[in-house]
Amino acid sequence: MKIVDAKVVLTSPGRNFVTLRIETDEGVTGLGDATLNGRELAVVSYLTDHVVPLLLGTDPHRIEDTWQSLYRGAYWRRGPVTMAAIAAVDVALWDIKAKVAGLPLYQLLGGASRERVRTYGHASGRDLPELFDSIRARLEQGYQAIRVQTGVPGLKRVYGVRHTVDTAAGPRPVVEDWDTAAYLRSLPKVFDAVRQEFGPDLPLLHDAHHRLTPPCRRPGWARTWSRTTCSGWRTARPPRTRRACGWCAPTPRRRWPSVRSSTPSTTTGR
């Protein structure tokens, strides 16, 4: 079996979802997602100009070999554009392998380990009443965990709150406002209010999206947080007793001392 064609499909103008479609000489196709929010067209070019020509004529079953070739064959490695492109190839090749095997892909990766997975709904609002309405709407839809994003007093455009963003910007990227001190003053009060309104048992999430540096995450900067070690974190406990945990992006070696100093211990949980 050989790869005979690979096409990059760009859809949904204004958001630019990117899909890679790989086709073999036996008619088996595989799909992989290459969407990179805000830089989708860069991935399209990377795939079309640099990756697709390398795939033609290769064996789609040599997934690891292909991954290593694409990663190590480039002079400049890593980065979101490169890795998004390689990930799309990787997923598409696994899709092909699963179809050839006649099995769902999860069976090739070790089989099922659970019957269902809890998902969360996005709730946002410019102020608390609007946020509460959004949370109620997500709960009515059946979500058992909620991501909470809200406006920050004094800031006009805030990440994750659609109503604060100027949608008339057209193709230009949206420039959001940011004030770390205002954010750290505001957000704990928001979670206190949400807990008072919806109780202590509703799992809540919040996304700061890399807007906080490690020193800003030290316990004490925000009176109701503890062990906040990354940009995305979740909390399911009442105010003043919650423990935050989440998932960190790779940290350059030069930043390790700063991360260590701000995270004396790590807390994870389900």
Protein backbone atom coordinates (compact mmCIF):
# COMPACT_ATOMS: atom_id res chain seq x y z
CA MET A 1 0.00 0.00 0.00
CA LYS A 2 1.26 3.48 -0.93
CA ILE A 3 0.08 7.04 -0.41
CA VAL A 4 -0.98 8.47 -3.78
CA ASP A 5 -2.62 11.74 -2.78
CA ALA A 6 -3.00 14.13 0.13
CA LYS A 7 -5.26 17.16 0.16
CA VAL A 8 -5.58 19.99 2.65
CA VAL A 9 -9.19 21.05 3.14
CA LEU A 10 -9.92 24.53 4.51
CA THR A 11 -13.47 25.12 5.72
CA SER A 12 -15.61 27.44 7.82
CA PRO A 13 -14.46 30.94 6.73
CA GLY A 14 -13.78 33.16 9.68
CA ARG A 15 -12.54 30.24 11.78
CA ASN A 16 -10.62 28.19 9.20
CA PHE A 17 -10.86 24.56 10.25
CA VAL A 18 -8.06 22.61 8.58
CA THR A 19 -8.38 18.92 7.65
CA LEU A 20 -5.79 16.70 5.98
CA ARG A 21 -7.13 13.89 3.77
CA ILE A 22 -4.65 11.16 2.80
CA GLU A 23 -5.54 8.63 0.07
CA THR A 24 -3.85 5.33 -0.73
CA ASP A 25 -3.57 3.35 -3.96
CA GLU A 26 -6.08 0.86 -2.53
CA GLY A 27 -8.73 3.53 -2.05
CA VAL A 28 -8.44 3.75 1.73
CA THR A 29 -8.50 7.31 3.06
CA GLY A 30 -7.58 8.82 6.39
CA LEU A 31 -8.48 12.16 7.97
CA GLY A 32 -6.45 14.26 10.40
CA ASP A 33 -7.19 17.63 11.98
CA ALA A 34 -4.61 20.43 11.60
CA THR A 35 -6.55 23.39 12.96
CA LEU A 36 -4.40 25.93 14.82
CA ASN A 37 -6.49 28.76 16.19
CA GLY A 38 -5.37 32.09 14.79
CA ARG A 39 -2.65 30.65 12.52
CA GLU A 40 -4.58 28.12 10.44
CA LEU A 41 -3.31 29.35 7.09
CA ALA A 42 0.29 28.89 8.19
CA VAL A 43 -0.42 25.20 8.79
CA VAL A 44 -2.13 24.94 5.40
CA SER A 45 1.01 26.25 3.71
CA TYR A 46 3.30 24.04 5.81
CA LEU A 47 1.32 20.95 4.85
CA THR A 48 0.86 21.83 1.18
CA ASP A 49 4.36 23.07 0.46
CA HIS A 50 6.53 20.99 2.77
CA VAL A 51 4.74 17.87 4.02
CA VAL A 52 2.47 16.54 1.29
CA PRO A 53 5.31 16.15 -1.26
CA LEU A 54 7.18 14.00 1.28
CA LEU A 55 4.21 11.70 1.83
CA LEU A 56 3.56 10.70 -1.79
CA GLY A 57 4.76 7.17 -2.53
CA THR A 58 5.38 6.25 1.11
CA ASP A 59 3.91 3.35 3.09
CA PRO A 60 1.01 4.63 5.25
CA HIS A 61 1.54 1.83 7.76
CA ARG A 62 4.98 3.16 8.74
CA ILE A 63 3.46 5.69 11.10
CA GLU A 64 6.37 6.04 13.53
CA ASP A 65 8.89 6.25 10.70
CA THR A 66 6.85 8.97 9.01
CA TRP A 67 6.53 10.95 12.26
CA GLN A 68 10.26 10.82 12.95
CA SER A 69 11.08 11.76 9.36
CA LEU A 70 8.81 14.82 9.40
CA TYR A 71 10.01 15.91 12.84
CA ARG A 72 13.74 15.29 12.51
CA GLY A 73 14.02 16.04 8.80
CA ALA A 74 13.33 19.74 9.26
CA TYR A 75 16.17 22.11 10.17
CA TRP A 76 13.89 23.98 12.60
CA ARG A 77 11.89 21.65 14.83
CA ARG A 78 8.89 21.95 17.10
CA GLY A 79 6.62 24.97 17.29
CA PRO A 80 2.81 25.00 16.98
CA VAL A 81 2.70 25.17 13.17
CA THR A 82 5.08 22.25 12.65
CA MET A 83 3.52 20.08 15.33
CA ALA A 84 -0.06 20.77 14.19
CA ALA A 85 0.90 19.64 10.69
CA ILE A 86 2.68 16.50 11.91
CA ALA A 87 -0.23 15.67 14.21
CA ALA A 88 -2.64 15.79 11.27
CA VAL A 89 -0.49 13.32 9.34
CA ASP A 90 -0.18 11.07 12.38
CA VAL A 91 -3.94 10.92 12.99
CA ALA A 92 -4.73 10.39 9.30
CA LEU A 93 -2.30 7.46 9.09
CA TRP A 94 -3.79 5.87 12.20
CA ASP A 95 -7.22 6.33 10.64
CA ILE A 96 -6.03 4.39 7.59
CA LYS A 97 -4.50 1.63 9.70
CA ALA A 98 -7.74 1.21 11.66
CA LYS A 99 -9.80 1.00 8.49
CA VAL A 100 -7.47 -1.61 7.00
CA ALA A 101 -7.66 -3.62 10.22
CA GLY A 102 -11.42 -3.33 10.26
CA LEU A 103 -11.41 -2.09 13.84
CA PRO A 104 -12.22 1.15 15.62
CA LEU A 105 -9.00 3.02 16.27
CA TYR A 106 -9.37 2.81 20.03
CA GLN A 107 -9.11 -0.98 19.76
CA LEU A 108 -5.67 -0.65 18.18
CA LEU A 109 -4.59 1.66 20.98
CA GLY A 110 -5.41 -0.76 23.78
CA GLY A 111 -9.19 -0.93 23.83
CA ALA A 112 -11.80 0.90 25.85
CA SER A 113 -11.04 1.87 29.45
CA ARG A 114 -14.33 3.60 30.27
CA GLU A 115 -17.92 3.65 29.08
CA ARG A 116 -18.34 7.42 29.04
CA VAL A 117 -16.39 10.62 29.63
CA ARG A 118 -17.58 13.69 31.48
CA THR A 119 -17.61 16.80 29.32
CA TYR A 120 -18.00 20.43 30.30
CA GLY A 121 -19.94 23.33 28.81
CA HIS A 122 -18.68 26.86 28.25
CA ALA A 123 -20.49 29.51 30.27
CA SER A 124 -19.61 33.19 30.03
CA GLY A 125 -21.02 36.62 30.75
CA ARG A 126 -20.06 40.22 30.98
CA ASP A 127 -21.32 40.33 34.56
CA LEU A 128 -22.60 37.92 37.20
CA PRO A 129 -26.30 37.88 36.19
CA GLU A 130 -25.35 37.15 32.58
CA LEU A 131 -22.87 34.50 33.72
CA PHE A 132 -25.49 32.83 35.94
CA ASP A 133 -27.93 32.68 33.03
CA SER A 134 -25.25 31.06 30.88
CA ILE A 135 -24.45 28.47 33.56
CA ARG A 136 -28.15 27.59 33.95
CA ALA A 137 -28.45 27.15 30.20
CA ARG A 138 -25.52 24.71 30.15
CA LEU A 139 -26.93 22.77 33.12
CA GLU A 140 -30.28 22.47 31.36
CA GLN A 141 -28.43 21.00 28.39
CA GLY A 142 -27.16 18.25 30.66
CA TYR A 143 -23.57 19.32 31.30
CA GLN A 144 -22.25 18.22 34.69
CA ALA A 145 -19.20 20.50 34.72
CA ILE A 146 -18.96 24.13 33.65
CA ARG A 147 -16.11 26.33 32.41
CA VAL A 148 -16.61 29.81 33.83
CA GLN A 149 -15.36 32.88 31.94
CA THR A 150 -16.45 36.38 32.84
CA GLY A 151 -15.74 40.01 32.16
CA VAL A 152 -13.21 41.89 34.28
CA PRO A 153 -14.17 45.36 35.55
CA GLY A 154 -12.37 48.02 33.53
CA LEU A 155 -11.55 45.74 30.60
CA LYS A 156 -13.56 45.95 27.38
CA ARG A 157 -12.41 42.77 25.62
CA VAL A 158 -11.73 39.65 27.67
CA TYR A 159 -10.77 36.17 26.50
CA GLY A 160 -13.59 33.65 26.55
CA VAL A 161 -16.40 36.21 26.87
CA ARG A 162 -17.91 36.61 23.43
CA HIS A 163 -20.06 39.60 24.31
CA THR A 164 -17.02 41.68 25.25
CA VAL A 165 -15.29 41.16 21.89
CA ASP A 166 -15.78 43.52 18.97
CA THR A 167 -17.04 41.28 16.17
CA ALA A 168 -16.68 44.05 13.59
CA ALA A 169 -12.93 43.65 13.40
CA GLY A 170 -13.22 41.61 10.19
CA PRO A 171 -10.14 39.64 9.21
CA ARG A 172 -7.93 41.53 11.66
CA PRO A 173 -7.09 39.62 14.85
CA VAL A 174 -8.98 40.72 17.93
CA VAL A 175 -6.84 42.63 20.41
CA GLU A 176 -7.95 41.79 23.94
CA ASP A 177 -7.42 43.84 27.05
CA TRP A 178 -5.44 42.56 30.00
CA ASP A 179 -4.66 43.72 33.52
CA THR A 180 -3.22 41.05 35.81
CA ALA A 181 -3.98 42.92 39.03
CA ALA A 182 -7.60 43.58 38.01
CA TYR A 183 -7.99 39.94 36.97
CA LEU A 184 -6.62 38.59 40.26
CA ARG A 185 -8.90 40.93 42.21
CA SER A 186 -11.98 39.99 40.23
CA LEU A 187 -11.91 36.27 39.56
CA PRO A 188 -11.95 34.90 43.14
CA LYS A 189 -15.05 37.02 43.78
CA VAL A 190 -16.65 35.52 40.69
CA PHE A 191 -16.05 31.98 41.93
CA ASP A 192 -17.35 32.90 45.39
CA ALA A 193 -20.55 34.17 43.78
CA VAL A 194 -20.91 31.11 41.55
CA ARG A 195 -20.46 28.80 44.54
CA GLN A 196 -23.07 30.69 46.54
CA GLU A 197 -25.51 30.47 43.63
CA PHE A 198 -24.92 26.88 42.50
CA GLY A 199 -23.47 25.15 45.55
CA PRO A 200 -20.19 23.41 46.35
CA ASP A 201 -20.59 20.24 44.27
CA LEU A 202 -20.66 21.56 40.71
CA PRO A 203 -17.23 21.00 39.07
CA LEU A 204 -15.99 24.34 37.72
CA LEU A 205 -13.18 25.15 35.31
CA HIS A 206 -11.53 28.39 34.31
CA ASP A 207 -9.04 29.22 31.58
CA ALA A 208 -6.45 31.97 32.02
CA HIS A 209 -4.84 30.82 28.76
CA HIS A 210 -1.16 31.53 29.51
CA ARG A 211 -1.86 35.07 30.66
CA LEU A 212 -0.26 34.47 34.05
CA THR A 213 3.47 34.11 34.60
CA PRO A 214 4.67 31.69 37.31
CA PRO A 215 5.24 34.43 39.95
CA CYS A 216 1.61 35.53 39.47
CA ARG A 217 0.46 32.04 40.35
CA ARG A 218 2.07 31.91 43.78
CA PRO A 219 -0.29 31.07 46.64
CA GLY A 220 -1.19 34.39 48.23
CA TRP A 221 -1.57 36.38 45.03
CA ALA A 222 -5.17 35.28 44.94
CA ARG A 223 -6.66 34.62 48.35
CA THR A 224 -8.87 31.69 47.34
CA TRP A 225 -6.47 29.82 45.08
CA SER A 226 -3.80 27.31 45.95
CA ARG A 227 -1.23 25.52 43.80
CA THR A 228 -2.32 27.23 40.61
CA THR A 229 0.41 25.96 38.32
CA CYS A 230 -0.87 26.50 34.82
CA SER A 231 -3.10 28.48 32.54
CA GLY A 232 -6.05 26.12 32.56
CA TRP A 233 -7.27 24.82 35.92
CA ARG A 234 -10.31 23.29 37.49
CA THR A 235 -11.83 23.55 40.94
CA ALA A 236 -14.65 21.56 42.47
CA ARG A 237 -14.46 22.69 46.09
CA PRO A 238 -16.04 25.57 48.00
CA PRO A 239 -14.29 28.97 48.19
CA ARG A 240 -11.21 29.22 50.43
CA THR A 241 -10.74 25.43 50.40
CA ARG A 242 -10.44 24.78 46.69
CA ARG A 243 -7.29 23.32 45.21
CA ALA A 244 -6.53 24.09 41.62
CA CYS A 245 -4.99 21.67 39.21
CA GLY A 246 -4.65 21.48 35.48
CA TRP A 247 -2.45 20.84 32.51
CA CYS A 248 0.74 22.78 31.77
CA ALA A 249 2.28 23.55 28.42
CA PRO A 250 5.93 22.51 27.98
CA THR A 251 8.13 24.95 29.91
CA PRO A 252 11.55 26.02 28.61
CA ARG A 253 14.44 24.93 30.83
CA ARG A 254 15.32 28.52 31.68
CA ARG A 255 11.90 28.92 33.34
CA TRP A 256 12.14 25.79 35.53
CA PRO A 257 13.53 27.60 38.61
CA SER A 258 10.65 30.07 38.46
CA VAL A 259 8.09 27.28 38.13
CA ARG A 260 9.65 25.35 41.03
CA SER A 261 9.62 28.38 43.28
CA SER A 262 5.92 28.99 42.63
CA THR A 263 4.81 25.36 42.88
CA PRO A 264 6.25 23.71 45.99
CA SER A 265 4.04 20.68 45.35
CA THR A 266 1.77 19.39 42.63
CA THR A 267 -1.83 18.36 43.08
CA THR A 268 -3.70 16.34 40.52
CA GLY A 269 -6.96 14.48 40.62
CA ARG A 270 -9.96 13.26 38.69
